Amino acid sequence: MGSFSIWHWLIVLLIVVMVFGTKKLRNMGGDLGGAVKGFKDGMKEGGQSDDKTAAAVVPGQVTNAQAAEKPADKTTIDVEARPRS
């Protein structure tokens, strides 16, 4: 009583085919397959673009390579901001 038998599933399948038709079901299957493929490709590209964005420099940010190229500016003071207590 807790699970459906094969006959229950066949009747459900028959009703679905009668309501939607085989052509519509075939198109829906193709669309679903294309969506899954697009999702997988997006996940692969997303992992690659994360590596690229991690290496990207934010405008105005000084990287270690740039800091090594320039001599230290004597007028710049490097401080650390602390919240007031």
N, C-alpha and C. Protein backbone atom coordinates (compact mmCIF):
# COMPACT_ATOMS: atom_id res chain seq x y z
N MET A 1 0.81 -1.18 0.00
CA MET A 1 0.00 0.00 0.00
C MET A 1 0.86 1.26 0.00
N GLY A 2 2.10 1.19 0.53
CA GLY A 2 2.97 2.35 0.60
C GLY A 2 3.61 2.71 -0.72
N SER A 3 3.86 1.73 -1.59
CA SER A 3 4.51 2.02 -2.86
C SER A 3 3.57 1.68 -4.01
N PHE A 4 3.82 2.30 -5.13
CA PHE A 4 2.99 2.07 -6.31
C PHE A 4 3.54 0.89 -7.10
N SER A 5 2.65 0.14 -7.70
CA SER A 5 3.07 -0.98 -8.53
C SER A 5 3.34 -0.48 -9.94
N ILE A 6 3.82 -1.37 -10.79
CA ILE A 6 4.11 -1.02 -12.17
C ILE A 6 2.84 -0.60 -12.91
N TRP A 7 1.71 -1.16 -12.55
CA TRP A 7 0.46 -0.82 -13.21
C TRP A 7 0.04 0.62 -12.91
N HIS A 8 0.29 1.07 -11.70
CA HIS A 8 -0.02 2.46 -11.36
C HIS A 8 0.81 3.41 -12.22
N TRP A 9 2.10 3.13 -12.37
CA TRP A 9 2.98 3.99 -13.15
C TRP A 9 2.60 3.96 -14.64
N LEU A 10 2.21 2.80 -15.16
CA LEU A 10 1.78 2.72 -16.55
C LEU A 10 0.52 3.54 -16.80
N ILE A 11 -0.40 3.51 -15.86
CA ILE A 11 -1.62 4.31 -16.01
C ILE A 11 -1.29 5.80 -15.97
N VAL A 12 -0.41 6.20 -15.08
CA VAL A 12 0.00 7.61 -14.99
C VAL A 12 0.69 8.03 -16.29
N LEU A 13 1.56 7.18 -16.82
CA LEU A 13 2.25 7.47 -18.08
C LEU A 13 1.25 7.60 -19.23
N LEU A 14 0.27 6.71 -19.29
CA LEU A 14 -0.75 6.77 -20.32
C LEU A 14 -1.55 8.07 -20.24
N ILE A 15 -1.91 8.49 -19.05
CA ILE A 15 -2.65 9.74 -18.89
C ILE A 15 -1.81 10.95 -19.30
N VAL A 16 -0.52 10.95 -18.94
CA VAL A 16 0.37 12.05 -19.32
C VAL A 16 0.51 12.12 -20.84
N VAL A 17 0.66 10.98 -21.49
CA VAL A 17 0.78 10.95 -22.96
C VAL A 17 -0.52 11.43 -23.60
N MET A 18 -1.65 11.05 -23.04
CA MET A 18 -2.93 11.49 -23.59
C MET A 18 -3.12 13.01 -23.43
N VAL A 19 -2.67 13.55 -22.31
CA VAL A 19 -2.86 14.99 -22.06
C VAL A 19 -1.91 15.82 -22.91
N PHE A 20 -0.63 15.47 -22.92
CA PHE A 20 0.36 16.31 -23.60
C PHE A 20 0.64 15.89 -25.03
N GLY A 21 0.53 14.64 -25.35
CA GLY A 21 0.87 14.16 -26.69
C GLY A 21 2.35 13.82 -26.79
N THR A 22 2.68 12.92 -27.70
CA THR A 22 4.07 12.46 -27.81
C THR A 22 4.99 13.54 -28.35
N LYS A 23 4.51 14.36 -29.28
CA LYS A 23 5.36 15.40 -29.86
C LYS A 23 5.76 16.42 -28.79
N LYS A 24 4.81 16.84 -27.99
CA LYS A 24 5.09 17.81 -26.94
C LYS A 24 6.06 17.22 -25.90
N LEU A 25 5.86 15.95 -25.53
CA LEU A 25 6.76 15.30 -24.58
C LEU A 25 8.17 15.18 -25.14
N ARG A 26 8.28 14.88 -26.44
CA ARG A 26 9.59 14.77 -27.07
C ARG A 26 10.31 16.12 -27.05
N ASN A 27 9.57 17.19 -27.34
CA ASN A 27 10.17 18.52 -27.32
C ASN A 27 10.59 18.91 -25.90
N MET A 28 9.77 18.56 -24.92
CA MET A 28 10.11 18.87 -23.53
C MET A 28 11.36 18.12 -23.10
N GLY A 29 11.49 16.86 -23.54
CA GLY A 29 12.69 16.08 -23.21
C GLY A 29 13.94 16.69 -23.83
N GLY A 30 13.84 17.14 -25.08
CA GLY A 30 14.98 17.77 -25.73
C GLY A 30 15.36 19.09 -25.06
N ASP A 31 14.35 19.86 -24.66
CA ASP A 31 14.61 21.12 -23.97
C ASP A 31 15.26 20.88 -22.61
N LEU A 32 14.79 19.87 -21.91
CA LEU A 32 15.36 19.54 -20.61
C LEU A 32 16.82 19.09 -20.76
N GLY A 33 17.09 18.27 -21.76
CA GLY A 33 18.46 17.82 -22.01
C GLY A 33 19.37 18.98 -22.36
N GLY A 34 18.89 19.92 -23.17
CA GLY A 34 19.68 21.10 -23.52
C GLY A 34 19.95 21.97 -22.31
N ALA A 35 18.95 22.09 -21.44
CA ALA A 35 19.13 22.90 -20.23
C ALA A 35 20.17 22.27 -19.30
N VAL A 36 20.14 20.96 -19.17
CA VAL A 36 21.11 20.28 -18.31
C VAL A 36 22.51 20.43 -18.89
N LYS A 37 22.64 20.31 -20.21
CA LYS A 37 23.95 20.46 -20.85
C LYS A 37 24.47 21.89 -20.68
N GLY A 38 23.58 22.86 -20.86
CA GLY A 38 23.98 24.25 -20.66
C GLY A 38 24.41 24.53 -19.23
N PHE A 39 23.71 23.92 -18.27
CA PHE A 39 24.07 24.09 -16.87
C PHE A 39 25.45 23.51 -16.59
N LYS A 40 25.72 22.32 -17.12
CA LYS A 40 27.03 21.69 -16.90
C LYS A 40 28.14 22.53 -17.53
N ASP A 41 27.91 23.04 -18.74
CA ASP A 41 28.91 23.89 -19.39
C ASP A 41 29.14 25.17 -18.59
N GLY A 42 28.06 25.73 -18.07
CA GLY A 42 28.18 26.93 -17.25
C GLY A 42 28.96 26.69 -15.98
N MET A 43 28.78 25.52 -15.38
CA MET A 43 29.52 25.20 -14.17
C MET A 43 31.01 25.03 -14.47
N LYS A 44 31.33 24.44 -15.63
CA LYS A 44 32.73 24.29 -16.01
C LYS A 44 33.35 25.67 -16.27
N GLU A 45 32.65 26.53 -17.00
CA GLU A 45 33.16 27.87 -17.30
C GLU A 45 33.22 28.71 -16.04
N GLY A 46 32.28 28.52 -15.13
CA GLY A 46 32.27 29.26 -13.89
C GLY A 46 33.49 28.96 -13.05
N GLY A 47 33.92 27.72 -13.03
CA GLY A 47 35.12 27.36 -12.28
C GLY A 47 36.37 27.97 -12.89
N GLN A 48 36.42 28.04 -14.21
CA GLN A 48 37.56 28.64 -14.88
C GLN A 48 37.56 30.15 -14.71
N SER A 49 36.40 30.79 -14.76
CA SER A 49 36.37 32.23 -14.64
C SER A 49 36.66 32.66 -13.21
N ASP A 50 36.37 31.80 -12.21
CA ASP A 50 36.72 32.13 -10.84
C ASP A 50 38.22 32.23 -10.68
N ASP A 51 38.96 31.35 -11.36
CA ASP A 51 40.41 31.41 -11.29
C ASP A 51 40.91 32.70 -11.93
N LYS A 52 40.28 33.12 -13.02
CA LYS A 52 40.70 34.34 -13.70
C LYS A 52 40.37 35.56 -12.86
N THR A 53 39.21 35.59 -12.23
CA THR A 53 38.84 36.75 -11.43
C THR A 53 39.65 36.82 -10.16
N ALA A 54 40.10 35.68 -9.65
CA ALA A 54 40.94 35.69 -8.46
C ALA A 54 42.29 36.34 -8.78
N ALA A 55 42.75 36.17 -10.02
CA ALA A 55 44.02 36.74 -10.41
C ALA A 55 43.87 38.19 -10.89
N ALA A 56 42.65 38.63 -11.14
CA ALA A 56 42.42 39.99 -11.60
C ALA A 56 42.72 40.98 -10.49
N VAL A 57 43.18 42.16 -10.89
CA VAL A 57 43.55 43.20 -9.94
C VAL A 57 42.43 44.23 -9.89
N VAL A 58 42.06 44.62 -8.70
CA VAL A 58 41.07 45.67 -8.52
C VAL A 58 41.74 47.00 -8.83
N PRO A 59 41.07 47.88 -9.60
CA PRO A 59 41.69 49.18 -9.90
C PRO A 59 42.05 49.93 -8.62
N GLY A 60 43.26 50.47 -8.59
CA GLY A 60 43.72 51.20 -7.42
C GLY A 60 44.44 50.33 -6.41
N GLN A 61 44.39 49.02 -6.60
CA GLN A 61 45.05 48.11 -5.68
C GLN A 61 46.47 47.86 -6.16
N VAL A 62 47.42 47.88 -5.25
CA VAL A 62 48.82 47.65 -5.59
C VAL A 62 49.15 46.20 -5.33
N THR A 63 49.65 45.52 -6.36
CA THR A 63 50.03 44.12 -6.19
C THR A 63 51.47 44.04 -5.68
N ASN A 64 51.87 42.85 -5.30
CA ASN A 64 53.24 42.66 -4.81
C ASN A 64 54.26 42.96 -5.89
N ALA A 65 53.95 42.60 -7.13
CA ALA A 65 54.87 42.86 -8.23
C ALA A 65 55.03 44.36 -8.46
N GLN A 66 53.95 45.11 -8.36
CA GLN A 66 54.01 46.56 -8.56
C GLN A 66 54.76 47.22 -7.40
N ALA A 67 54.57 46.71 -6.20
CA ALA A 67 55.26 47.28 -5.04
C ALA A 67 56.76 47.04 -5.14
N ALA A 68 57.16 45.92 -5.71
CA ALA A 68 58.58 45.62 -5.85
C ALA A 68 59.22 46.50 -6.93
N GLU A 69 58.45 46.89 -7.94
CA GLU A 69 58.97 47.72 -9.03
C GLU A 69 59.20 49.16 -8.59
N LYS A 70 58.29 49.71 -7.79
CA LYS A 70 58.38 51.10 -7.37
C LYS A 70 59.15 51.22 -6.06
N PRO A 71 59.97 52.24 -5.96
CA PRO A 71 60.56 52.49 -4.65
C PRO A 71 59.49 53.04 -3.71
N ALA A 72 59.64 52.80 -2.43
CA ALA A 72 58.65 53.25 -1.46
C ALA A 72 58.59 54.77 -1.44
N ASP A 73 57.37 55.31 -1.43
CA ASP A 73 57.17 56.75 -1.36
C ASP A 73 57.36 57.19 0.08
N LYS A 74 58.21 58.16 0.30
CA LYS A 74 58.53 58.59 1.66
C LYS A 74 57.39 59.38 2.30
N THR A 75 56.45 59.90 1.51
CA THR A 75 55.39 60.72 2.09
C THR A 75 54.16 59.89 2.45
N THR A 76 54.11 58.64 2.07
CA THR A 76 52.96 57.81 2.36
C THR A 76 53.13 57.13 3.72
N ILE A 77 52.10 57.22 4.53
CA ILE A 77 52.14 56.59 5.84
C ILE A 77 51.16 55.43 5.83
N ASP A 78 51.63 54.26 6.19
CA ASP A 78 50.78 53.07 6.23
C ASP A 78 50.26 52.90 7.64
N VAL A 79 48.95 53.00 7.81
CA VAL A 79 48.35 52.89 9.14
C VAL A 79 47.27 51.83 9.12
N GLU A 80 46.90 51.39 10.31
CA GLU A 80 45.83 50.42 10.44
C GLU A 80 44.70 51.07 11.21
N ALA A 81 43.50 51.06 10.66
CA ALA A 81 42.34 51.67 11.31
C ALA A 81 41.81 50.73 12.37
N ARG A 82 41.52 51.28 13.53
CA ARG A 82 40.95 50.50 14.62
C ARG A 82 39.62 51.14 15.02
N PRO A 83 38.65 50.31 15.37
CA PRO A 83 37.37 50.89 15.80
C PRO A 83 37.52 51.55 17.17
N ARG A 84 36.74 52.61 17.38
CA ARG A 84 36.78 53.29 18.67
C ARG A 84 36.16 52.42 19.75
N SER A 85 36.74 52.49 20.92
CA SER A 85 36.16 51.70 22.02
C SER A 85 35.44 52.55 23.02
